[in-house]
Protein backbone atom coordinates (compact mmCIF):
# COMPACT_ATOMS: atom_id res chain seq x y z
CA MET A 1 132.54 120.19 73.63
CA GLU A 2 129.70 119.85 71.13
CA LEU A 3 130.15 116.06 71.19
CA LEU A 4 129.72 116.04 74.97
CA VAL A 5 126.54 118.07 74.66
CA VAL A 6 125.16 115.64 72.06
CA ILE A 7 126.05 112.66 74.26
CA ALA A 8 124.37 114.34 77.23
CA ILE A 9 121.22 115.00 75.21
CA ILE A 10 121.13 111.39 74.01
CA GLY A 11 121.52 110.20 77.61
CA ILE A 12 118.61 112.39 78.72
CA LEU A 13 116.43 111.12 75.88
CA ILE A 14 117.23 107.50 76.75
CA ALA A 15 116.38 108.17 80.40
CA LEU A 16 113.07 109.68 79.35
CA LEU A 17 112.22 106.91 76.91
CA LEU A 18 113.20 103.93 79.09
CA PRO A 19 110.14 104.05 81.40
CA ALA A 20 107.88 104.29 78.36
CA VAL A 21 109.57 101.28 76.77
CA GLN A 22 109.29 99.30 79.99
CA ALA A 23 105.61 100.23 80.33
CA ALA A 24 104.94 99.16 76.74
CA ARG A 25 106.64 95.81 77.34
CA GLU A 26 104.60 95.21 80.50
CA ALA A 27 101.41 96.13 78.64
CA ALA A 28 102.28 93.49 76.05
CA ARG A 29 103.01 90.90 78.76
CA ARG A 30 99.75 91.70 80.55
CA SER A 31 97.88 91.34 77.26
CA GLN A 32 99.47 87.92 76.73
CA CYS A 33 98.54 86.95 80.28
CA THR A 34 94.94 87.98 79.59
CA ASN A 35 94.95 85.81 76.49
CA ASN A 36 96.38 82.87 78.46
CA LEU A 37 93.51 83.12 80.94
CA LYS A 38 90.94 83.35 78.16
CA GLN A 39 92.36 80.18 76.62
CA LEU A 40 92.25 78.36 79.97
CA ALA A 41 88.67 79.52 80.54
CA LEU A 42 87.71 78.32 77.06
CA ALA A 43 89.37 74.97 77.72
CA MET A 44 87.41 74.68 80.96
CA HIS A 45 84.15 75.32 79.11
CA ASN A 46 85.10 72.69 76.54
CA TYR A 47 85.80 70.24 79.37
CA HIS A 48 82.38 70.99 80.84
CA ASP A 49 80.74 70.47 77.45
CA VAL A 50 82.20 66.96 77.32
CA TYR A 51 81.72 65.86 80.94
CA ASN A 52 78.85 68.12 82.11
CA THR A 53 80.87 69.08 85.15
CA LEU A 54 84.03 70.89 86.20
CA PRO A 55 87.08 68.80 87.13
CA ARG A 56 87.93 68.22 90.75
CA SER A 57 91.36 68.89 92.18
CA GLY A 58 92.84 65.66 93.46
CA TYR A 59 91.58 62.68 91.54
CA GLY A 60 94.23 59.92 91.44
CA GLY A 61 95.36 59.81 87.84
CA ASN A 62 92.70 59.29 85.18
CA ASP A 63 91.09 56.42 87.08
CA ALA A 64 88.22 58.03 89.00
CA GLY A 65 87.56 54.81 90.91
CA ARG A 66 90.95 54.59 92.57
CA PRO A 67 91.10 55.09 96.34
CA TRP A 68 92.53 58.31 97.71
CA ASN A 69 96.14 58.18 98.85
CA ASN A 70 99.08 60.49 99.35
CA TRP A 71 100.74 59.86 96.01
CA GLU A 72 98.02 60.33 93.47
CA ARG A 73 96.61 63.76 94.10
CA PHE A 74 96.76 65.23 90.63
CA GLY A 75 94.95 68.52 90.16
CA VAL A 76 92.60 70.39 87.88
CA ASN A 77 95.26 71.09 85.27
CA VAL A 78 95.89 67.42 84.52
CA CYS A 79 92.22 67.06 83.59
CA LEU A 80 92.51 70.11 81.34
CA LEU A 81 95.52 68.92 79.32
CA PRO A 82 93.60 67.35 76.40
CA PHE A 83 91.76 70.66 75.95
CA ILE A 84 94.93 72.77 75.64
CA GLU A 85 96.58 70.63 72.96
CA GLN A 86 98.47 68.48 75.49
CA LYS A 87 96.78 65.11 74.94
CA ALA A 88 100.10 63.24 74.69
CA LEU A 89 101.16 64.65 78.06
CA ALA A 90 97.78 63.78 79.59
CA ASP A 91 98.20 60.16 78.49
CA GLN A 92 101.31 59.90 80.67
CA PHE A 93 99.16 60.24 83.80
CA VAL A 94 97.35 56.95 83.19
CA TYR A 95 97.56 54.86 86.35
CA VAL A 96 99.24 51.49 86.07
CA SER A 97 99.21 49.26 89.16
CA GLY A 98 102.53 49.34 90.97
CA THR A 99 103.79 52.51 89.29
CA PRO A 100 105.74 54.49 91.93
CA PHE A 101 104.90 58.14 92.42
CA GLY A 102 108.40 59.10 91.31
CA THR A 103 107.54 57.94 87.80
CA TYR A 104 105.01 60.75 87.58
CA PHE A 105 106.93 63.29 89.63
CA ASN A 106 110.18 62.90 87.70
CA GLY A 107 108.40 62.48 84.38
CA PRO A 108 105.24 64.26 83.18
CA MET A 109 104.96 66.50 86.25
CA GLN A 110 108.27 68.15 85.31
CA VAL A 111 107.23 69.11 81.77
CA LYS A 112 106.96 72.88 81.32
CA VAL A 113 103.56 73.85 79.93
CA PRO A 114 103.60 77.42 78.53
CA ALA A 115 99.82 77.73 78.94
CA PHE A 116 100.32 77.73 82.72
CA LEU A 117 102.99 80.47 82.78
CA CYS A 118 102.49 84.24 82.95
CA PRO A 119 105.08 86.23 80.94
CA SER A 120 105.29 88.88 83.68
CA ALA A 121 106.00 86.42 86.48
CA ARG A 122 109.48 85.37 87.53
CA PRO A 123 110.46 81.86 86.48
CA TYR A 124 110.68 79.45 89.39
CA ARG A 125 114.28 79.18 90.59
CA ASN A 126 115.31 76.28 92.79
CA ALA A 127 118.19 78.13 94.42
CA ASN A 128 118.26 76.43 97.80
CA ASN A 129 115.00 74.58 98.25
CA THR A 130 115.65 71.81 100.73
CA ALA A 131 111.92 71.09 101.08
CA GLY A 132 111.75 69.41 97.70
CA TRP A 133 108.59 69.32 95.61
CA ASN A 134 110.17 71.33 92.82
CA GLY A 135 108.58 71.67 89.42
CA PRO A 136 108.58 73.62 86.15
CA GLY A 137 106.37 76.47 87.39
CA CYS A 138 102.70 77.43 87.44
CA ASN A 139 101.26 80.96 87.54
CA TYR A 140 97.55 80.26 87.11
CA ALA A 141 95.25 78.78 89.73
CA TRP A 142 91.56 77.93 90.09
CA CYS A 143 89.22 79.47 92.64
CA SER A 144 88.14 77.38 95.63
CA GLY A 145 86.01 80.24 96.95
CA SER A 146 86.15 82.81 99.71
CA THR A 147 86.60 80.39 102.60
CA THR A 148 89.87 80.02 104.48
CA TYR A 149 89.50 76.23 104.45
CA THR A 150 92.08 74.65 102.18
CA ALA A 151 92.92 71.32 100.62
CA TRP A 152 93.86 69.34 103.71
CA GLY A 153 91.85 68.51 106.79
CA ALA A 154 88.28 67.83 107.81
CA ASN A 155 86.69 70.80 106.06
CA VAL A 156 87.62 70.27 102.41
CA ASN A 157 83.89 69.90 101.67
CA SER A 158 83.42 73.50 102.81
CA PHE A 159 84.87 75.10 99.67
CA ASN A 160 82.30 77.53 98.28
CA GLY A 161 83.92 78.37 94.94
CA MET A 162 83.81 76.70 91.55
CA PHE A 163 86.48 74.09 92.36
CA GLN A 164 86.62 71.51 95.09
CA VAL A 165 88.99 68.80 96.23
CA ARG A 166 87.63 65.38 95.21
CA ILE A 167 84.19 66.79 94.39
CA GLU A 168 83.05 67.78 90.92
CA LYS A 169 80.70 70.73 90.44
CA PRO A 170 78.69 71.62 87.33
CA PHE A 171 78.14 75.15 86.10
CA ALA A 172 74.59 74.79 87.40
CA ALA A 173 75.98 74.91 90.95
CA VAL A 174 77.23 78.45 90.32
CA THR A 175 73.92 80.03 91.27
CA ASP A 176 75.37 83.53 91.61
CA GLY A 177 75.96 83.54 87.85
CA LEU A 178 79.06 82.73 85.83
CA SER A 179 79.72 86.40 85.04
CA GLN A 180 79.74 87.17 88.77
CA THR A 181 82.02 84.36 89.93
CA ALA A 182 85.81 84.07 89.79
CA MET A 183 87.09 80.95 88.06
CA VAL A 184 90.84 81.36 87.44
CA SER A 185 93.50 83.91 88.31
CA GLU A 186 97.21 84.45 88.84
CA ILE A 187 99.67 83.25 91.47
CA LEU A 188 103.39 83.79 91.92
CA SER A 189 106.02 81.10 92.17
CA GLY A 190 108.13 80.92 95.31
CA ASP A 191 111.67 82.24 95.19
CA GLY A 192 113.07 78.70 95.42
CA ASP A 193 115.15 79.39 98.52
CA SER A 194 113.82 77.65 101.62
CA SER A 195 116.50 79.23 103.82
CA LYS A 196 114.52 82.50 104.03
CA ALA A 197 110.99 83.83 103.72
CA THR A 198 110.50 86.26 100.84
CA TYR A 199 107.39 88.43 100.40
CA PRO A 200 105.34 88.32 98.19
CA PHE A 201 106.61 85.11 96.61
CA ASP A 202 106.70 82.51 99.39
CA ILE A 203 104.11 80.94 101.69
CA PHE A 204 104.55 81.93 105.35
CA TYR A 205 103.43 79.87 108.36
CA PRO A 206 102.32 81.85 111.43
CA GLN A 207 103.34 81.34 115.01
CA GLY A 208 100.58 79.21 116.47
CA GLY A 209 99.90 77.45 113.18
CA ASP A 210 96.33 76.73 112.22
CA SER A 211 95.01 78.00 115.55
CA VAL A 212 95.38 81.65 114.45
CA TYR A 213 92.31 81.12 112.25
CA ASN A 214 90.10 80.12 115.20
CA ASN A 215 89.20 83.73 115.96
CA ILE A 216 87.55 84.24 112.58
CA ALA A 217 83.80 84.37 113.23
CA ASN A 218 82.84 83.35 109.68
CA GLN A 219 85.48 81.40 107.78
CA ASP A 220 83.69 82.18 104.51
CA PHE A 221 83.95 85.95 105.00
CA PRO A 222 86.83 86.99 107.28
CA THR A 223 86.68 90.69 108.10
CA PRO A 224 89.53 93.10 107.30
CA ALA A 225 90.38 93.24 111.02
CA GLU A 226 90.51 89.44 111.27
CA LEU A 227 92.65 89.28 108.14
CA GLN A 228 95.02 91.87 109.56
CA THR A 229 95.49 89.81 112.73
CA ILE A 230 96.47 86.78 110.66
CA GLY A 231 98.65 88.85 108.34
CA VAL A 232 100.59 90.32 111.25
CA ALA A 233 101.04 86.83 112.71
CA CYS A 234 102.51 85.71 109.39
CA GLN A 235 104.97 88.60 109.10
CA ASN A 236 107.20 86.89 111.68
CA PRO A 237 106.71 83.33 110.50
CA ALA A 238 107.38 80.10 112.30
CA GLY A 239 108.36 78.69 108.92
CA GLU A 240 107.98 79.13 105.19
CA ARG A 241 107.87 77.28 101.90
CA SER A 242 109.39 78.60 98.70
CA ASN A 243 108.16 75.90 96.30
CA ASN A 244 104.64 77.22 95.75
CA GLY A 245 103.56 77.91 92.18
CA THR A 246 105.85 75.19 90.87
CA LEU A 247 103.82 72.03 90.20
CA TRP A 248 100.99 72.62 87.72
CA ALA A 249 99.95 68.95 88.03
CA TRP A 250 99.60 68.90 91.83
CA TYR A 251 96.29 69.52 93.62
CA PRO A 252 96.61 71.90 96.62
CA HIS A 253 96.32 75.59 97.30
CA ALA A 254 99.31 77.72 96.27
CA GLN A 255 99.99 75.22 93.48
CA VAL A 256 96.76 75.15 91.44
CA LEU A 257 94.13 76.58 93.81
CA PHE A 258 93.65 80.03 95.37
CA ASN A 259 90.99 81.67 97.51
CA THR A 260 89.47 85.14 97.69
CA ALA A 261 89.60 85.44 101.48
CA ALA A 262 91.91 88.47 101.05
CA PRO A 263 92.22 90.98 98.19
CA PRO A 264 94.64 90.51 95.27
CA ASN A 265 98.29 91.23 96.07
CA TRP A 266 97.42 91.30 99.77
CA GLN A 267 99.77 93.55 101.73
CA TYR A 268 100.61 90.65 104.05
CA PRO A 269 102.27 87.35 103.07
CA SER A 270 100.23 84.50 101.69
CA CYS A 271 99.60 82.50 104.83
CA GLY A 272 99.23 78.79 105.52
CA GLY A 273 98.44 76.97 108.75
CA ASN A 274 100.35 73.95 110.00
CA CYS A 275 102.80 72.89 107.32
CA CYS A 276 103.19 69.25 106.51
CA PRO A 277 106.75 67.82 106.64
CA GLY A 278 106.81 67.29 102.88
CA GLY A 279 106.20 70.94 102.19
CA ALA A 280 103.55 70.26 99.55
CA HIS A 281 101.16 72.93 100.89
CA ASP A 282 98.76 70.60 102.64
CA TRP A 283 97.20 72.48 105.55
CA GLY A 284 93.79 73.03 107.12
CA ARG A 285 93.32 76.75 106.55
CA GLY A 286 95.09 79.53 104.72
CA ILE A 287 94.92 82.95 103.08
CA ILE A 288 96.04 82.34 99.49
CA PRO A 289 94.97 85.35 97.38
CA PRO A 290 95.85 85.82 93.72
CA ARG A 291 99.11 87.65 93.12
CA SER A 292 100.89 89.04 90.07
CA LEU A 293 103.73 91.32 89.05
CA HIS A 294 101.39 93.42 86.91
CA PRO A 295 101.31 96.91 88.45
CA GLY A 296 98.16 97.55 90.46
CA GLY A 297 96.27 94.27 90.34
CA VAL A 298 95.71 90.85 88.81
CA ASN A 299 93.88 89.34 85.88
CA VAL A 300 90.87 87.25 86.86
CA GLY A 301 89.00 84.92 84.53
CA LEU A 302 85.30 84.77 85.37
CA GLY A 303 83.05 81.77 84.94
CA ASP A 304 81.60 83.07 81.69
CA GLY A 305 85.06 83.09 80.09
CA SER A 306 85.63 86.84 80.27
CA VAL A 307 88.79 88.23 81.86
CA ARG A 308 88.85 91.32 84.07
CA PHE A 309 91.78 93.21 85.54
CA ILE A 310 90.93 93.59 89.23
CA THR A 311 92.83 96.16 91.24
CA SER A 312 94.55 95.40 94.51
CA THR A 313 92.33 98.03 96.18
CA ILE A 314 89.04 96.22 95.54
CA ASP A 315 86.74 96.10 98.57
CA THR A 316 87.50 92.97 100.60
CA LEU A 317 83.88 91.79 100.89
CA THR A 318 83.26 92.41 97.19
CA PHE A 319 86.24 90.25 96.29
CA GLN A 320 85.16 87.53 98.70
CA ARG A 321 81.69 87.44 97.15
CA LEU A 322 83.28 87.23 93.72
CA GLY A 323 84.93 83.98 94.83
CA HIS A 324 81.79 82.53 96.43
CA ALA A 325 79.75 80.71 93.79
CA SER A 326 76.42 80.59 95.59
CA ASP A 327 76.00 83.07 98.45
CA GLY A 328 73.06 84.77 96.73
CA GLN A 329 74.31 88.28 97.43
CA PRO A 330 74.61 90.97 94.75
CA ILE A 331 78.11 92.12 93.84
CA PRO A 332 78.65 95.85 93.32
CA GLU A 333 80.58 97.14 90.34
CA PHE A 334 84.22 96.07 90.46
């Protein structure tokens, strides 16, 4: 009888201690994530010190003079490799005439880079992804601004954040101040199963495609009501992609870019527009907020290199202005 009582007491103690142990482990993971973002921010500053500009997303290997085409859209992270002790990997992206895209895709693009992975995030799992475009995973992305315009279509020059497709910006263009502008944050990898749409991991495509964004009066600052309309449209999607957050070397939103159109960990699915057949997240507009598995919010690296934990309940307009690099409006305490 006494043995049973002792066993029962031990069981109760374990039940009481387990949440505390889990919380301590998550605190350690979040701390490591914060450090990862600080290192990426430092690497970005070192890049700027060398080139006097920020890298663009989508640049065609390391040959800046090469024409734009579908198979050479490498992103910000490829430019950053030499500054995170990955020079040998960076050298594998040198363009050689006649080299097929598969040489890059099946080679250096598949190398797992720990600097791009959050310890709290789920590893990417290619369970049933018929769309292709699989990769080793990527949980950190760079801010394109508050606008809903994304990395495909006629309005790629409308990005108002620190990073642009095919256009390089210097720190001097961040007129709102580096300490008041989001630079890098967290994203989640898709669940790897293209047979179903899974919130919050996958990218959903709304009924009506890109046209659902036409009712937004100001694409740079969609209102909460406008965001809700799009979010509801995405809850019953026309399609989905589960290979987001997989290719650290690729250029588009949901792979290495995010926007602040909606708050962190938005209650609705991350939403694209019209999906391309290849499933590589090339669309005209989208709501791609930062997401994490940290309870209550996400880590955000600001332009000055500091990292802040921003709660999921932050005011929508405040978060949008944090993503905009040059709107000239003051940002309240966040």
